[in-house]
């Protein structure tokens, strides 16, 4: 996304998607389809990704384009934060996409159960962030990240299709091998700061 061509392609795709959804004239729809196709070809050419893969990721939605929502379940035990290890070998705060038929809180509870094996309750909002301002690499579409402070009420970890292990880490034990596209060292430190601040914490937002 540092590439102007990619940014322009993303904007063209967004405009074409809105035009396809709101437009009623068949000729206009044909033009919007072609604009969307050109934008996908631009991304494919610039990124080296196969054109079909770009179309799948880039042109699959309908309606007015809006950011996706990612939620993270921040769980502490004895002053240490829970991280889960993905199959890639990298660590992250448990979380994922907000389901279309679930609230952000309900999605957070579901992700904690699926990735960490824990039943949790959500206690406090830590931050609402524009992913593009905090995580790399930047994605072709917008993402809003929500961090919730949660409390574990039961359950235990078991290996699953997404994560291979879990562990609690002190602030000076944060692993270097993080899935930074989902969770950075700075974001984990922010969670420790929220824990220490307690009720005095001011929600961070972009």
C-alpha atoms as a PDB file:
ATOM      1  CA  UNK A   1       0.000   0.000   0.000  1.00  0.00           C
ATOM      2  CA  UNK A   2       3.033   2.316  -0.009  1.00  0.00           C
ATOM      3  CA  UNK A   3       2.753   1.993  -3.783  1.00  0.00           C
ATOM      4  CA  UNK A   4       0.546   4.695  -5.328  1.00  0.00           C
ATOM      5  CA  UNK A   5      -0.593   2.303  -8.058  1.00  0.00           C
ATOM      6  CA  UNK A   6      -1.911  -0.127  -5.440  1.00  0.00           C
ATOM      7  CA  UNK A   7      -3.678   2.676  -3.561  1.00  0.00           C
ATOM      8  CA  UNK A   8      -5.290   3.910  -6.769  1.00  0.00           C
ATOM      9  CA  UNK A   9      -6.352   0.364  -7.659  1.00  0.00           C
ATOM     10  CA  UNK A  10      -7.938  -0.078  -4.230  1.00  0.00           C
ATOM     11  CA  UNK A  11      -9.859   3.181  -4.628  1.00  0.00           C
ATOM     12  CA  UNK A  12     -11.044   2.210  -8.117  1.00  0.00           C
ATOM     13  CA  UNK A  13     -12.213  -1.154  -6.774  1.00  0.00           C
ATOM     14  CA  UNK A  14     -14.161   0.550  -4.000  1.00  0.00           C
ATOM     15  CA  UNK A  15     -15.846   2.948  -6.430  1.00  0.00           C
ATOM     16  CA  UNK A  16     -16.655   0.130  -8.845  1.00  0.00           C
ATOM     17  CA  UNK A  17     -18.112  -2.007  -6.049  1.00  0.00           C
ATOM     18  CA  UNK A  18     -20.402   0.823  -4.947  1.00  0.00           C
ATOM     19  CA  UNK A  19     -21.396   1.518  -8.545  1.00  0.00           C
ATOM     20  CA  UNK A  20     -22.290  -2.128  -9.130  1.00  0.00           C
ATOM     21  CA  UNK A  21     -24.437  -2.173  -6.014  1.00  0.00           C
ATOM     22  CA  UNK A  22     -26.273   1.109  -6.460  1.00  0.00           C
ATOM     23  CA  UNK A  23     -26.305   1.391 -10.241  1.00  0.00           C
ATOM     24  CA  UNK A  24     -29.370   0.336 -12.257  1.00  0.00           C
ATOM     25  CA  UNK A  25     -28.330   1.020 -15.838  1.00  0.00           C
ATOM     26  CA  UNK A  26     -26.965  -2.101 -17.571  1.00  0.00           C
ATOM     27  CA  UNK A  27     -24.435  -0.071 -19.539  1.00  0.00           C
ATOM     28  CA  UNK A  28     -23.140   1.574 -16.374  1.00  0.00           C
ATOM     29  CA  UNK A  29     -22.874  -1.814 -14.677  1.00  0.00           C
ATOM     30  CA  UNK A  30     -20.822  -3.093 -17.589  1.00  0.00           C
ATOM     31  CA  UNK A  31     -18.464  -0.137 -17.198  1.00  0.00           C
ATOM     32  CA  UNK A  32     -18.152  -0.684 -13.430  1.00  0.00           C
ATOM     33  CA  UNK A  33     -17.393  -4.360 -14.013  1.00  0.00           C
ATOM     34  CA  UNK A  34     -14.602  -3.369 -16.368  1.00  0.00           C
ATOM     35  CA  UNK A  35     -13.209  -0.824 -13.883  1.00  0.00           C
ATOM     36  CA  UNK A  36     -13.179  -3.519 -11.202  1.00  0.00           C
ATOM     37  CA  UNK A  37     -11.446  -5.911 -13.589  1.00  0.00           C
ATOM     38  CA  UNK A  38      -8.800  -3.305 -14.435  1.00  0.00           C
ATOM     39  CA  UNK A  39      -8.196  -2.602 -10.738  1.00  0.00           C
ATOM     40  CA  UNK A  40      -7.657  -6.329 -10.097  1.00  0.00           C
ATOM     41  CA  UNK A  41      -5.262  -6.540 -13.063  1.00  0.00           C
ATOM     42  CA  UNK A  42      -3.317  -3.582 -11.652  1.00  0.00           C
ATOM     43  CA  UNK A  43      -2.948  -5.276  -8.259  1.00  0.00           C
ATOM     44  CA  UNK A  44      -1.989  -8.581  -9.885  1.00  0.00           C
ATOM     45  CA  UNK A  45       0.642  -6.952 -12.093  1.00  0.00           C
ATOM     46  CA  UNK A  46       2.096  -4.873  -9.272  1.00  0.00           C
ATOM     47  CA  UNK A  47       2.063  -7.594  -6.591  1.00  0.00           C
ATOM     48  CA  UNK A  48       2.909 -10.656  -8.664  1.00  0.00           C
ATOM     49  CA  UNK A  49      -0.125 -12.506  -7.291  1.00  0.00           C
ATOM     50  CA  UNK A  50      -2.126 -14.629  -9.756  1.00  0.00           C
ATOM     51  CA  UNK A  51      -5.037 -12.709 -11.262  1.00  0.00           C
ATOM     52  CA  UNK A  52      -7.576 -15.272 -10.044  1.00  0.00           C
ATOM     53  CA  UNK A  53      -6.303 -14.986  -6.474  1.00  0.00           C
ATOM     54  CA  UNK A  54      -6.548 -11.201  -6.604  1.00  0.00           C
ATOM     55  CA  UNK A  55     -10.117 -11.384  -7.906  1.00  0.00           C
ATOM     56  CA  UNK A  56     -11.020 -13.791  -5.121  1.00  0.00           C
ATOM     57  CA  UNK A  57      -9.618 -11.513  -2.399  1.00  0.00           C
ATOM     58  CA  UNK A  58     -10.276  -8.163  -4.006  1.00  0.00           C
ATOM     59  CA  UNK A  59     -13.546  -8.436  -5.921  1.00  0.00           C
ATOM     60  CA  UNK A  60     -15.702 -10.807  -3.930  1.00  0.00           C
ATOM     61  CA  UNK A  61     -17.802  -8.375  -1.915  1.00  0.00           C
ATOM     62  CA  UNK A  62     -20.952  -6.489  -2.816  1.00  0.00           C
ATOM     63  CA  UNK A  63     -22.450  -3.268  -1.521  1.00  0.00           C
ATOM     64  CA  UNK A  64     -20.715  -0.168  -0.261  1.00  0.00           C
ATOM     65  CA  UNK A  65     -17.183  -1.071   0.770  1.00  0.00           C
ATOM     66  CA  UNK A  66     -16.546  -0.773   4.506  1.00  0.00           C
ATOM     67  CA  UNK A  67     -13.686  -1.923   6.777  1.00  0.00           C
ATOM     68  CA  UNK A  68     -13.599  -5.435   8.182  1.00  0.00           C
ATOM     69  CA  UNK A  69     -13.605  -5.801  11.977  1.00  0.00           C
ATOM     70  CA  UNK A  70     -10.995  -7.816  13.903  1.00  0.00           C
ATOM     71  CA  UNK A  71     -11.381  -8.419  17.642  1.00  0.00           C
ATOM     72  CA  UNK A  72      -8.755  -9.546  20.186  1.00  0.00           C
ATOM     73  CA  UNK A  73      -9.354 -11.208  23.573  1.00  0.00           C
ATOM     74  CA  UNK A  74      -6.777  -9.860  26.048  1.00  0.00           C
ATOM     75  CA  UNK A  75      -6.560 -12.311  28.943  1.00  0.00           C
ATOM     76  CA  UNK A  76      -4.257 -12.005  31.958  1.00  0.00           C
ATOM     77  CA  UNK A  77      -3.336 -14.446  34.712  1.00  0.00           C
ATOM     78  CA  UNK A  78      -1.133 -13.369  37.610  1.00  0.00           C
ATOM     79  CA  UNK A  79       0.047 -10.334  35.648  1.00  0.00           C
ATOM     80  CA  UNK A  80       0.955 -12.307  32.527  1.00  0.00           C
ATOM     81  CA  UNK A  81      -0.776 -12.075  29.145  1.00  0.00           C
ATOM     82  CA  UNK A  82      -2.131 -15.073  27.248  1.00  0.00           C
ATOM     83  CA  UNK A  83      -0.754 -15.605  23.746  1.00  0.00           C
ATOM     84  CA  UNK A  84      -1.533 -18.427  21.345  1.00  0.00           C
ATOM     85  CA  UNK A  85       0.870 -19.931  18.837  1.00  0.00           C
ATOM     86  CA  UNK A  86      -0.395 -20.212  15.283  1.00  0.00           C
ATOM     87  CA  UNK A  87       0.536 -23.030  12.923  1.00  0.00           C
ATOM     88  CA  UNK A  88       3.009 -20.624  11.339  1.00  0.00           C
ATOM     89  CA  UNK A  89       4.969 -20.794  14.613  1.00  0.00           C
ATOM     90  CA  UNK A  90       4.273 -17.181  15.515  1.00  0.00           C
ATOM     91  CA  UNK A  91       2.458 -15.878  18.598  1.00  0.00           C
ATOM     92  CA  UNK A  92      -0.529 -13.565  18.860  1.00  0.00           C
ATOM     93  CA  UNK A  93      -3.359 -12.448  21.132  1.00  0.00           C
ATOM     94  CA  UNK A  94      -6.319 -14.759  20.414  1.00  0.00           C
ATOM     95  CA  UNK A  95      -8.849 -13.233  18.067  1.00  0.00           C
ATOM     96  CA  UNK A  96     -10.094 -12.969  14.511  1.00  0.00           C
ATOM     97  CA  UNK A  97     -12.731 -11.572  12.193  1.00  0.00           C
ATOM     98  CA  UNK A  98     -16.008 -10.406  13.668  1.00  0.00           C
ATOM     99  CA  UNK A  99     -18.769 -12.697  12.387  1.00  0.00           C
ATOM    100  CA  UNK A 100     -21.486 -11.039  10.311  1.00  0.00           C
ATOM    101  CA  UNK A 101     -24.209 -12.252  12.713  1.00  0.00           C
ATOM    102  CA  UNK A 102     -22.352 -11.600  15.972  1.00  0.00           C
ATOM    103  CA  UNK A 103     -21.562  -8.507  17.983  1.00  0.00           C
ATOM    104  CA  UNK A 104     -17.868  -7.674  18.505  1.00  0.00           C
ATOM    105  CA  UNK A 105     -18.120  -8.923  22.101  1.00  0.00           C
ATOM    106  CA  UNK A 106     -19.739 -12.206  21.082  1.00  0.00           C
ATOM    107  CA  UNK A 107     -17.107 -12.710  18.381  1.00  0.00           C
ATOM    108  CA  UNK A 108     -14.352 -12.097  20.928  1.00  0.00           C
ATOM    109  CA  UNK A 109     -15.807 -14.724  23.249  1.00  0.00           C
ATOM    110  CA  UNK A 110     -16.053 -17.192  20.362  1.00  0.00           C
ATOM    111  CA  UNK A 111     -12.451 -16.615  19.255  1.00  0.00           C
ATOM    112  CA  UNK A 112     -11.131 -17.079  22.810  1.00  0.00           C
ATOM    113  CA  UNK A 113     -12.972 -20.391  22.999  1.00  0.00           C
ATOM    114  CA  UNK A 114     -11.793 -21.601  19.579  1.00  0.00           C
ATOM    115  CA  UNK A 115      -8.156 -20.473  19.728  1.00  0.00           C
ATOM    116  CA  UNK A 116      -7.374 -20.668  23.458  1.00  0.00           C
ATOM    117  CA  UNK A 117      -9.955 -23.150  24.734  1.00  0.00           C
ATOM    118  CA  UNK A 118     -11.180 -20.662  27.335  1.00  0.00           C
ATOM    119  CA  UNK A 119     -14.605 -19.430  28.315  1.00  0.00           C
ATOM    120  CA  UNK A 120     -14.271 -15.705  28.930  1.00  0.00           C
ATOM    121  CA  UNK A 121     -16.309 -12.679  29.858  1.00  0.00           C
ATOM    122  CA  UNK A 122     -15.498  -9.294  28.371  1.00  0.00           C
ATOM    123  CA  UNK A 123     -14.770  -6.664  31.021  1.00  0.00           C
ATOM    124  CA  UNK A 124     -13.415  -3.539  29.374  1.00  0.00           C
ATOM    125  CA  UNK A 125     -12.604  -1.923  26.041  1.00  0.00           C
ATOM    126  CA  UNK A 126      -8.872  -1.270  25.641  1.00  0.00           C
ATOM    127  CA  UNK A 127      -8.566   0.177  22.149  1.00  0.00           C
ATOM    128  CA  UNK A 128     -10.172   0.657  18.745  1.00  0.00           C
ATOM    129  CA  UNK A 129      -7.466   0.981  16.103  1.00  0.00           C
ATOM    130  CA  UNK A 130      -7.088   1.491  12.382  1.00  0.00           C
ATOM    131  CA  UNK A 131      -4.954  -1.516  11.515  1.00  0.00           C
ATOM    132  CA  UNK A 132      -3.114   0.375   8.758  1.00  0.00           C
ATOM    133  CA  UNK A 133      -1.631   2.701  11.403  1.00  0.00           C
ATOM    134  CA  UNK A 134      -0.239  -0.076  13.592  1.00  0.00           C
ATOM    135  CA  UNK A 135       0.292  -3.371  11.764  1.00  0.00           C
ATOM    136  CA  UNK A 136       2.220  -4.580   8.741  1.00  0.00           C
ATOM    137  CA  UNK A 137       1.982  -5.488   5.989  1.00  0.00           C
ATOM    138  CA  UNK A 138      -0.801  -3.100   5.026  1.00  0.00           C
ATOM    139  CA  UNK A 139      -3.782  -4.831   3.472  1.00  0.00           C
ATOM    140  CA  UNK A 140      -5.664  -3.844   0.328  1.00  0.00           C
ATOM    141  CA  UNK A 141      -8.842  -3.361   2.372  1.00  0.00           C
ATOM    142  CA  UNK A 142      -9.455  -1.478   5.606  1.00  0.00           C
ATOM    143  CA  UNK A 143      -9.556  -3.209   8.996  1.00  0.00           C
ATOM    144  CA  UNK A 144     -10.688  -1.948  12.394  1.00  0.00           C
ATOM    145  CA  UNK A 145      -9.056  -3.738  15.342  1.00  0.00           C
ATOM    146  CA  UNK A 146     -10.804  -3.914  18.722  1.00  0.00           C
ATOM    147  CA  UNK A 147      -8.942  -5.019  21.861  1.00  0.00           C
ATOM    148  CA  UNK A 148     -11.035  -6.154  24.839  1.00  0.00           C
ATOM    149  CA  UNK A 149      -9.802  -6.959  28.336  1.00  0.00           C
ATOM    150  CA  UNK A 150     -11.335 -10.316  29.214  1.00  0.00           C
ATOM    151  CA  UNK A 151     -11.509 -12.597  32.237  1.00  0.00           C
ATOM    152  CA  UNK A 152     -11.111 -16.357  31.920  1.00  0.00           C
ATOM    153  CA  UNK A 153     -13.884 -18.290  33.662  1.00  0.00           C
ATOM    154  CA  UNK A 154     -12.933 -21.846  32.755  1.00  0.00           C
ATOM    155  CA  UNK A 155     -11.698 -24.173  30.068  1.00  0.00           C
ATOM    156  CA  UNK A 156      -8.267 -25.292  28.952  1.00  0.00           C
ATOM    157  CA  UNK A 157      -6.214 -25.205  25.793  1.00  0.00           C
ATOM    158  CA  UNK A 158      -6.332 -28.024  23.262  1.00  0.00           C
ATOM    159  CA  UNK A 159      -4.544 -28.103  19.926  1.00  0.00           C
ATOM    160  CA  UNK A 160      -6.856 -27.074  17.082  1.00  0.00           C
ATOM    161  CA  UNK A 161      -6.880 -26.172  13.395  1.00  0.00           C
ATOM    162  CA  UNK A 162      -5.654 -22.619  14.113  1.00  0.00           C
ATOM    163  CA  UNK A 163      -3.314 -22.796  17.121  1.00  0.00           C
ATOM    164  CA  UNK A 164      -0.785 -25.324  18.401  1.00  0.00           C
ATOM    165  CA  UNK A 165      -0.169 -24.089  21.955  1.00  0.00           C
ATOM    166  CA  UNK A 166      -0.819 -21.276  24.382  1.00  0.00           C
ATOM    167  CA  UNK A 167       1.181 -19.624  27.122  1.00  0.00           C
ATOM    168  CA  UNK A 168       1.210 -16.742  29.591  1.00  0.00           C
ATOM    169  CA  UNK A 169       4.014 -14.197  29.245  1.00  0.00           C
ATOM    170  CA  UNK A 170       5.276 -11.370  31.442  1.00  0.00           C
ATOM    171  CA  UNK A 171       5.920  -8.022  29.782  1.00  0.00           C
ATOM    172  CA  UNK A 172       9.653  -8.747  29.583  1.00  0.00           C
ATOM    173  CA  UNK A 173       8.989 -12.228  28.155  1.00  0.00           C
ATOM    174  CA  UNK A 174       7.025 -11.244  25.040  1.00  0.00           C
ATOM    175  CA  UNK A 175       8.164 -13.567  22.232  1.00  0.00           C
ATOM    176  CA  UNK A 176      10.072 -12.062  19.335  1.00  0.00           C
ATOM    177  CA  UNK A 177       8.257 -14.253  16.828  1.00  0.00           C
ATOM    178  CA  UNK A 178       4.929 -12.425  16.687  1.00  0.00           C
ATOM    179  CA  UNK A 179       2.283 -12.547  13.970  1.00  0.00           C
ATOM    180  CA  UNK A 180       2.717  -8.792  13.520  1.00  0.00           C
ATOM    181  CA  UNK A 181      -0.019  -8.560  10.901  1.00  0.00           C
ATOM    182  CA  UNK A 182      -2.386  -9.346  13.802  1.00  0.00           C
ATOM    183  CA  UNK A 183      -0.593  -8.254  16.954  1.00  0.00           C
ATOM    184  CA  UNK A 184       2.572  -6.217  17.468  1.00  0.00           C
ATOM    185  CA  UNK A 185       4.892  -5.875  20.458  1.00  0.00           C
ATOM    186  CA  UNK A 186       3.585  -2.329  20.940  1.00  0.00           C
ATOM    187  CA  UNK A 187      -0.006  -3.537  21.028  1.00  0.00           C
ATOM    188  CA  UNK A 188       0.834  -6.150  23.660  1.00  0.00           C
ATOM    189  CA  UNK A 189       2.600  -3.488  25.765  1.00  0.00           C
ATOM    190  CA  UNK A 190      -0.539  -1.349  25.429  1.00  0.00           C
ATOM    191  CA  UNK A 191      -2.542  -4.213  26.949  1.00  0.00           C
ATOM    192  CA  UNK A 192      -0.174  -4.395  29.936  1.00  0.00           C
ATOM    193  CA  UNK A 193      -0.585  -0.644  30.395  1.00  0.00           C
ATOM    194  CA  UNK A 194      -4.364  -1.069  30.390  1.00  0.00           C
ATOM    195  CA  UNK A 195      -4.115  -3.793  33.026  1.00  0.00           C
ATOM    196  CA  UNK A 196      -1.991  -1.598  35.311  1.00  0.00           C
ATOM    197  CA  UNK A 197      -4.272   1.406  34.839  1.00  0.00           C
ATOM    198  CA  UNK A 198      -7.394  -0.516  35.822  1.00  0.00           C
ATOM    199  CA  UNK A 199     -10.486   1.680  35.973  1.00  0.00           C
ATOM    200  CA  UNK A 200      -8.327   4.716  35.200  1.00  0.00           C
ATOM    201  CA  UNK A 201      -7.554   3.439  31.689  1.00  0.00           C
ATOM    202  CA  UNK A 202      -8.537   5.759  28.857  1.00  0.00           C
ATOM    203  CA  UNK A 203      -9.592   3.873  25.757  1.00  0.00           C
ATOM    204  CA  UNK A 204      -7.219   4.446  22.857  1.00  0.00           C
ATOM    205  CA  UNK A 205      -8.712   5.071  19.454  1.00  0.00           C
ATOM    206  CA  UNK A 206      -7.715   6.275  16.008  1.00  0.00           C
END
